[in-house]
Each structure stands twice: as C-alpha cells, then as structure tokens.
Amino acid sequence: MARLLKQAEAKRLGLPGRTSLEPVSGEIGSRVSFRIATIAPAQPGDKKRGPHLHRDFEECIYVLSGQGTMHAESGDYPVTAGDILLVPAGEKHMTANTGSEPLVLLCFFPVADVTSGTNEFASF
C-alpha cells in the first residue's frame, strides 16, 4: 500500500554536526532508509566533526541545495545542488558545508536500519 509521509513527522536523529531527519526506515515497515541531512554554514570556532562509515552497505547522497565538500578516504569531492555521491560500504566519509547557505542532502540506504551498521569516528 502506498503511503504519504510528511517531513514534519519524520524521526529526528541526534547526529553530530548536522540536523538529520529519517522519514523512512524499518521503523515504519520499510526495507530501505531515507534521510534528510542539513549542515549549517561553518562558523568561526566550530569544531570539525569526524567521519563515519557504513560497514556493510553503500550510501547514495543527492545534494538538494547549497555547496560543500565530501571528504572521503578516496579523496575530496566538491559538491553543489544536483550532484550525486555514491559512497561504497566501509569507506569513511564526511560532508562539510563550504558555502554561506545550509547544505541539504538527501541520503538513501539499501537497508531498513542504518544506525546498527554505522560507526562514527573522531577523525580520519
């Protein structure tokens, strides 16, 4: 059965350095997960957050708005609205906002539970 999901009703995640909503996951009976991450522009004195990785599944990120750089073990990738990043399983990565407006990312995962397969790190 199709469902209409409202962003205002999405689960709010307490992830470091970003606002993250999870409207789709196993919690609503889905076999995939979808997140909306918003990264604020950097401010003087902000602590840089560390990377994370997804052990057994890839992540596909669509840049909805803003500009930034995804730092990954394989290199640095400047991104703007409309770009798509595909991060393989097991690769540490972190996206930073390099602009003056919020960086908004749509993050897709082929699993129902992202949290159990994710590790956060203090640095690369």
N, C-alpha and C. Protein backbone atom coordinates (compact mmCIF):
# COMPACT_ATOMS: atom_id res chain seq x y z
N MET A 1 0.84 -1.17 0.00
CA MET A 1 0.00 0.00 0.00
C MET A 1 0.89 1.24 0.00
N ALA A 2 0.62 2.19 -0.86
CA ALA A 2 1.36 3.45 -0.91
C ALA A 2 1.07 4.26 0.35
N ARG A 3 2.03 5.09 0.73
CA ARG A 3 1.87 5.93 1.91
C ARG A 3 2.37 7.32 1.61
N LEU A 4 1.75 8.32 2.18
CA LEU A 4 2.22 9.68 2.11
C LEU A 4 2.87 10.01 3.43
N LEU A 5 4.15 10.38 3.39
CA LEU A 5 4.90 10.70 4.60
C LEU A 5 5.18 12.20 4.64
N LYS A 6 5.04 12.82 5.77
CA LYS A 6 5.26 14.25 5.93
C LYS A 6 6.60 14.49 6.63
N GLN A 7 7.39 15.39 6.08
CA GLN A 7 8.70 15.69 6.66
C GLN A 7 8.56 16.12 8.12
N ALA A 8 7.51 16.85 8.45
CA ALA A 8 7.30 17.32 9.81
C ALA A 8 7.12 16.17 10.80
N GLU A 9 6.76 14.99 10.31
CA GLU A 9 6.53 13.83 11.17
C GLU A 9 7.73 12.88 11.22
N ALA A 10 8.81 13.24 10.52
CA ALA A 10 9.99 12.37 10.45
C ALA A 10 10.70 12.27 11.80
N LYS A 11 11.31 11.13 12.02
CA LYS A 11 12.12 10.92 13.23
C LYS A 11 13.33 11.84 13.18
N ARG A 12 13.60 12.55 14.27
CA ARG A 12 14.76 13.44 14.37
C ARG A 12 15.91 12.66 15.00
N LEU A 13 17.06 12.67 14.33
CA LEU A 13 18.22 11.93 14.81
C LEU A 13 19.22 12.88 15.47
N GLY A 14 19.86 12.44 16.50
CA GLY A 14 20.86 13.25 17.20
C GLY A 14 22.26 12.99 16.67
N LEU A 15 22.50 13.28 15.40
CA LEU A 15 23.80 13.03 14.79
C LEU A 15 24.69 14.25 14.92
N PRO A 16 26.00 14.05 15.12
CA PRO A 16 26.90 15.19 15.33
C PRO A 16 27.05 16.08 14.10
N GLY A 17 27.00 17.40 14.32
CA GLY A 17 27.32 18.37 13.28
C GLY A 17 26.29 18.57 12.19
N ARG A 18 25.08 18.04 12.36
CA ARG A 18 24.06 18.19 11.34
C ARG A 18 22.68 17.92 11.94
N THR A 19 21.69 18.47 11.30
CA THR A 19 20.31 18.15 11.63
C THR A 19 19.91 17.03 10.69
N SER A 20 19.38 15.96 11.22
CA SER A 20 19.07 14.81 10.38
C SER A 20 17.68 14.27 10.70
N LEU A 21 16.89 14.13 9.65
CA LEU A 21 15.55 13.58 9.76
C LEU A 21 15.52 12.24 9.04
N GLU A 22 14.77 11.28 9.58
CA GLU A 22 14.65 9.97 8.96
C GLU A 22 13.17 9.64 8.79
N PRO A 23 12.58 10.06 7.64
CA PRO A 23 11.17 9.76 7.43
C PRO A 23 10.89 8.32 7.02
N VAL A 24 11.90 7.63 6.47
CA VAL A 24 11.70 6.26 6.00
C VAL A 24 12.78 5.36 6.60
N SER A 25 12.35 4.26 7.19
CA SER A 25 13.27 3.25 7.75
C SER A 25 12.44 2.02 8.12
N GLY A 26 13.11 1.06 8.69
CA GLY A 26 12.43 -0.14 9.16
C GLY A 26 11.39 0.15 10.22
N GLU A 27 11.52 1.28 10.91
CA GLU A 27 10.55 1.62 11.96
C GLU A 27 9.14 1.80 11.41
N ILE A 28 9.03 2.12 10.11
CA ILE A 28 7.69 2.26 9.53
C ILE A 28 7.38 1.07 8.61
N GLY A 29 8.23 0.03 8.67
CA GLY A 29 8.00 -1.17 7.89
C GLY A 29 8.69 -1.20 6.54
N SER A 30 9.57 -0.24 6.28
CA SER A 30 10.28 -0.19 5.01
C SER A 30 11.52 -1.09 5.03
N ARG A 31 11.97 -1.52 3.86
CA ARG A 31 13.20 -2.29 3.74
C ARG A 31 14.38 -1.41 3.33
N VAL A 32 14.13 -0.10 3.12
CA VAL A 32 15.17 0.87 2.80
C VAL A 32 15.05 2.05 3.77
N SER A 33 16.09 2.91 3.77
CA SER A 33 16.07 4.10 4.63
C SER A 33 16.38 5.33 3.80
N PHE A 34 15.82 6.42 4.22
CA PHE A 34 15.95 7.70 3.55
C PHE A 34 16.10 8.76 4.63
N ARG A 35 17.12 9.60 4.51
CA ARG A 35 17.36 10.67 5.47
C ARG A 35 17.50 12.01 4.76
N ILE A 36 17.14 13.06 5.47
CA ILE A 36 17.35 14.42 5.02
C ILE A 36 18.31 15.06 6.02
N ALA A 37 19.51 15.41 5.56
CA ALA A 37 20.52 16.00 6.43
C ALA A 37 20.74 17.45 6.04
N THR A 38 20.76 18.33 7.03
CA THR A 38 21.04 19.74 6.81
C THR A 38 22.28 20.11 7.60
N ILE A 39 23.27 20.65 6.90
CA ILE A 39 24.53 21.05 7.52
C ILE A 39 24.61 22.57 7.44
N ALA A 40 24.67 23.22 8.58
CA ALA A 40 24.71 24.68 8.64
C ALA A 40 26.06 25.19 8.12
N PRO A 41 26.09 26.45 7.66
CA PRO A 41 27.38 27.03 7.26
C PRO A 41 28.35 27.04 8.44
N ALA A 42 29.61 26.84 8.16
CA ALA A 42 30.63 26.85 9.22
C ALA A 42 30.73 28.24 9.85
N GLN A 43 30.91 28.26 11.15
CA GLN A 43 31.08 29.50 11.90
C GLN A 43 32.45 29.49 12.56
N PRO A 44 33.05 30.67 12.77
CA PRO A 44 34.36 30.70 13.45
C PRO A 44 34.27 29.99 14.80
N GLY A 45 35.24 29.13 15.06
CA GLY A 45 35.30 28.39 16.31
C GLY A 45 34.54 27.08 16.31
N ASP A 46 33.81 26.77 15.23
CA ASP A 46 33.11 25.49 15.16
C ASP A 46 34.12 24.35 15.21
N LYS A 47 33.76 23.31 15.95
CA LYS A 47 34.58 22.10 15.99
C LYS A 47 34.25 21.26 14.76
N LYS A 48 35.27 20.83 14.02
CA LYS A 48 35.05 19.98 12.85
C LYS A 48 34.60 18.60 13.32
N ARG A 49 33.53 18.10 12.71
CA ARG A 49 33.07 16.77 13.10
C ARG A 49 33.86 15.70 12.37
N GLY A 50 33.87 14.52 12.93
CA GLY A 50 34.61 13.42 12.35
C GLY A 50 33.79 12.67 11.31
N PRO A 51 34.43 11.75 10.62
CA PRO A 51 33.75 10.97 9.59
C PRO A 51 32.95 9.81 10.20
N HIS A 52 32.24 9.13 9.34
CA HIS A 52 31.54 7.91 9.72
C HIS A 52 31.65 6.94 8.55
N LEU A 53 31.27 5.72 8.79
CA LEU A 53 31.22 4.74 7.70
C LEU A 53 30.05 3.80 7.94
N HIS A 54 29.62 3.20 6.86
CA HIS A 54 28.55 2.20 6.90
C HIS A 54 29.21 0.88 6.53
N ARG A 55 29.28 -0.03 7.50
CA ARG A 55 30.09 -1.25 7.36
C ARG A 55 29.70 -2.13 6.16
N ASP A 56 28.44 -2.40 5.98
CA ASP A 56 28.03 -3.42 5.01
C ASP A 56 27.09 -2.91 3.92
N PHE A 57 26.96 -1.61 3.77
CA PHE A 57 26.05 -1.09 2.75
C PHE A 57 26.54 0.27 2.27
N GLU A 58 26.20 0.57 1.02
CA GLU A 58 26.59 1.84 0.45
C GLU A 58 25.58 2.92 0.79
N GLU A 59 25.99 4.18 0.52
CA GLU A 59 25.11 5.33 0.72
C GLU A 59 25.10 6.14 -0.58
N CYS A 60 23.93 6.55 -0.98
CA CYS A 60 23.78 7.41 -2.15
C CYS A 60 23.25 8.75 -1.65
N ILE A 61 23.98 9.82 -1.96
CA ILE A 61 23.65 11.16 -1.47
C ILE A 61 23.32 12.06 -2.65
N TYR A 62 22.17 12.72 -2.60
CA TYR A 62 21.78 13.71 -3.60
C TYR A 62 21.84 15.07 -2.93
N VAL A 63 22.57 16.01 -3.54
CA VAL A 63 22.70 17.35 -2.98
C VAL A 63 21.50 18.17 -3.46
N LEU A 64 20.63 18.49 -2.53
CA LEU A 64 19.42 19.23 -2.87
C LEU A 64 19.71 20.72 -3.00
N SER A 65 20.49 21.28 -2.07
CA SER A 65 20.82 22.70 -2.14
C SER A 65 22.10 22.97 -1.36
N GLY A 66 22.72 24.09 -1.68
CA GLY A 66 23.95 24.50 -1.01
C GLY A 66 25.18 24.00 -1.72
N GLN A 67 26.31 24.20 -1.07
CA GLN A 67 27.57 23.70 -1.62
C GLN A 67 28.45 23.21 -0.47
N GLY A 68 29.30 22.24 -0.80
CA GLY A 68 30.14 21.66 0.23
C GLY A 68 31.22 20.79 -0.38
N THR A 69 31.89 20.07 0.50
CA THR A 69 32.91 19.11 0.09
C THR A 69 32.71 17.84 0.88
N MET A 70 32.64 16.71 0.16
CA MET A 70 32.63 15.44 0.85
C MET A 70 34.08 14.98 0.95
N HIS A 71 34.51 14.80 2.19
CA HIS A 71 35.85 14.28 2.46
C HIS A 71 35.70 12.78 2.66
N ALA A 72 36.44 12.00 1.89
CA ALA A 72 36.37 10.54 1.98
C ALA A 72 37.79 9.98 1.94
N GLU A 73 37.93 8.74 2.31
CA GLU A 73 39.24 8.11 2.25
C GLU A 73 39.80 8.12 0.83
N SER A 74 38.93 8.12 -0.18
CA SER A 74 39.37 8.10 -1.57
C SER A 74 39.65 9.48 -2.14
N GLY A 75 39.34 10.55 -1.39
CA GLY A 75 39.61 11.90 -1.87
C GLY A 75 38.56 12.89 -1.41
N ASP A 76 38.71 14.12 -1.88
CA ASP A 76 37.78 15.20 -1.57
C ASP A 76 36.96 15.50 -2.81
N TYR A 77 35.65 15.67 -2.63
CA TYR A 77 34.74 15.86 -3.75
C TYR A 77 33.89 17.11 -3.52
N PRO A 78 34.19 18.22 -4.23
CA PRO A 78 33.34 19.41 -4.12
C PRO A 78 31.96 19.11 -4.70
N VAL A 79 30.90 19.57 -4.03
CA VAL A 79 29.54 19.28 -4.48
C VAL A 79 28.67 20.54 -4.45
N THR A 80 27.70 20.58 -5.35
CA THR A 80 26.68 21.62 -5.39
C THR A 80 25.35 20.96 -5.70
N ALA A 81 24.30 21.76 -5.67
CA ALA A 81 22.94 21.25 -5.91
C ALA A 81 22.89 20.46 -7.21
N GLY A 82 22.27 19.29 -7.14
CA GLY A 82 22.12 18.42 -8.29
C GLY A 82 23.17 17.33 -8.39
N ASP A 83 24.26 17.44 -7.63
CA ASP A 83 25.30 16.41 -7.66
C ASP A 83 24.84 15.18 -6.88
N ILE A 84 25.40 14.04 -7.27
CA ILE A 84 25.10 12.76 -6.62
C ILE A 84 26.42 12.11 -6.21
N LEU A 85 26.50 11.67 -4.99
CA LEU A 85 27.67 10.97 -4.47
C LEU A 85 27.28 9.53 -4.16
N LEU A 86 28.13 8.60 -4.53
CA LEU A 86 27.91 7.21 -4.18
C LEU A 86 29.10 6.77 -3.34
N VAL A 87 28.83 6.44 -2.09
CA VAL A 87 29.88 6.06 -1.14
C VAL A 87 29.81 4.56 -0.91
N PRO A 88 30.89 3.82 -1.23
CA PRO A 88 30.85 2.37 -1.05
C PRO A 88 30.85 1.98 0.43
N ALA A 89 30.38 0.79 0.68
CA ALA A 89 30.40 0.25 2.05
C ALA A 89 31.82 0.26 2.58
N GLY A 90 31.96 0.65 3.84
CA GLY A 90 33.25 0.60 4.51
C GLY A 90 34.16 1.80 4.29
N GLU A 91 33.76 2.79 3.50
CA GLU A 91 34.62 3.96 3.28
C GLU A 91 34.22 5.09 4.22
N LYS A 92 35.20 5.56 5.03
CA LYS A 92 34.95 6.70 5.90
C LYS A 92 34.69 7.93 5.04
N HIS A 93 33.70 8.72 5.47
CA HIS A 93 33.35 9.93 4.74
C HIS A 93 32.66 10.93 5.66
N MET A 94 32.67 12.20 5.24
CA MET A 94 32.04 13.28 5.99
C MET A 94 31.85 14.43 5.02
N THR A 95 30.68 15.04 5.02
CA THR A 95 30.41 16.16 4.14
C THR A 95 30.39 17.44 4.96
N ALA A 96 31.11 18.45 4.48
CA ALA A 96 31.20 19.75 5.15
C ALA A 96 30.57 20.82 4.27
N ASN A 97 29.94 21.78 4.89
CA ASN A 97 29.35 22.91 4.19
C ASN A 97 30.47 23.92 3.92
N THR A 98 30.66 24.32 2.66
CA THR A 98 31.68 25.31 2.30
C THR A 98 31.05 26.62 1.83
N GLY A 99 29.74 26.72 1.92
CA GLY A 99 29.04 27.91 1.45
C GLY A 99 28.47 28.73 2.59
N SER A 100 27.65 29.71 2.22
CA SER A 100 27.04 30.60 3.21
C SER A 100 25.58 30.25 3.50
N GLU A 101 25.04 29.28 2.79
CA GLU A 101 23.67 28.81 2.98
C GLU A 101 23.70 27.37 3.50
N PRO A 102 22.61 26.89 4.11
CA PRO A 102 22.58 25.49 4.55
C PRO A 102 22.83 24.53 3.37
N LEU A 103 23.55 23.46 3.65
CA LEU A 103 23.78 22.38 2.70
C LEU A 103 22.75 21.29 3.03
N VAL A 104 21.87 20.97 2.07
CA VAL A 104 20.81 20.00 2.32
C VAL A 104 21.05 18.77 1.45
N LEU A 105 21.11 17.61 2.10
CA LEU A 105 21.43 16.34 1.44
C LEU A 105 20.29 15.35 1.63
N LEU A 106 19.97 14.63 0.57
CA LEU A 106 19.04 13.51 0.65
C LEU A 106 19.89 12.25 0.62
N CYS A 107 19.82 11.44 1.64
CA CYS A 107 20.69 10.27 1.79
C CYS A 107 19.86 9.00 1.73
N PHE A 108 20.22 8.12 0.81
CA PHE A 108 19.49 6.87 0.59
C PHE A 108 20.35 5.68 0.98
N PHE A 109 19.74 4.69 1.62
CA PHE A 109 20.44 3.49 2.08
C PHE A 109 19.61 2.25 1.73
N PRO A 110 20.26 1.18 1.29
CA PRO A 110 19.52 -0.03 0.90
C PRO A 110 19.23 -0.98 2.07
N VAL A 111 19.10 -0.40 3.26
CA VAL A 111 18.82 -1.20 4.46
C VAL A 111 17.74 -0.53 5.29
N ALA A 112 17.06 -1.32 6.10
CA ALA A 112 15.99 -0.79 6.95
C ALA A 112 16.52 -0.08 8.18
N ASP A 113 17.73 -0.45 8.63
CA ASP A 113 18.31 0.12 9.86
C ASP A 113 19.73 0.60 9.57
N VAL A 114 19.90 1.90 9.43
CA VAL A 114 21.21 2.49 9.14
C VAL A 114 22.09 2.51 10.39
N THR A 115 21.50 2.84 11.52
CA THR A 115 22.25 3.06 12.75
C THR A 115 23.08 1.85 13.17
N SER A 116 22.53 0.66 13.11
CA SER A 116 23.25 -0.52 13.59
C SER A 116 24.46 -0.86 12.73
N GLY A 117 24.50 -0.38 11.48
CA GLY A 117 25.63 -0.68 10.60
C GLY A 117 26.57 0.49 10.38
N THR A 118 26.47 1.52 11.25
CA THR A 118 27.25 2.74 11.09
C THR A 118 28.19 2.96 12.28
N ASN A 119 29.40 3.39 11.97
CA ASN A 119 30.38 3.75 13.00
C ASN A 119 30.77 5.21 12.81
N GLU A 120 30.76 5.99 13.89
CA GLU A 120 31.21 7.39 13.89
C GLU A 120 32.64 7.42 14.44
N PHE A 121 33.47 8.33 13.89
CA PHE A 121 34.87 8.45 14.29
C PHE A 121 35.18 9.90 14.65
N ALA A 122 36.18 10.12 15.49
CA ALA A 122 36.60 11.46 15.86
C ALA A 122 37.36 12.14 14.72
N SER A 123 38.09 11.36 13.93
CA SER A 123 38.87 11.91 12.81
C SER A 123 39.18 10.79 11.81
N PHE A 124 39.75 11.19 10.67
CA PHE A 124 40.12 10.20 9.65
C PHE A 124 41.26 9.38 10.12
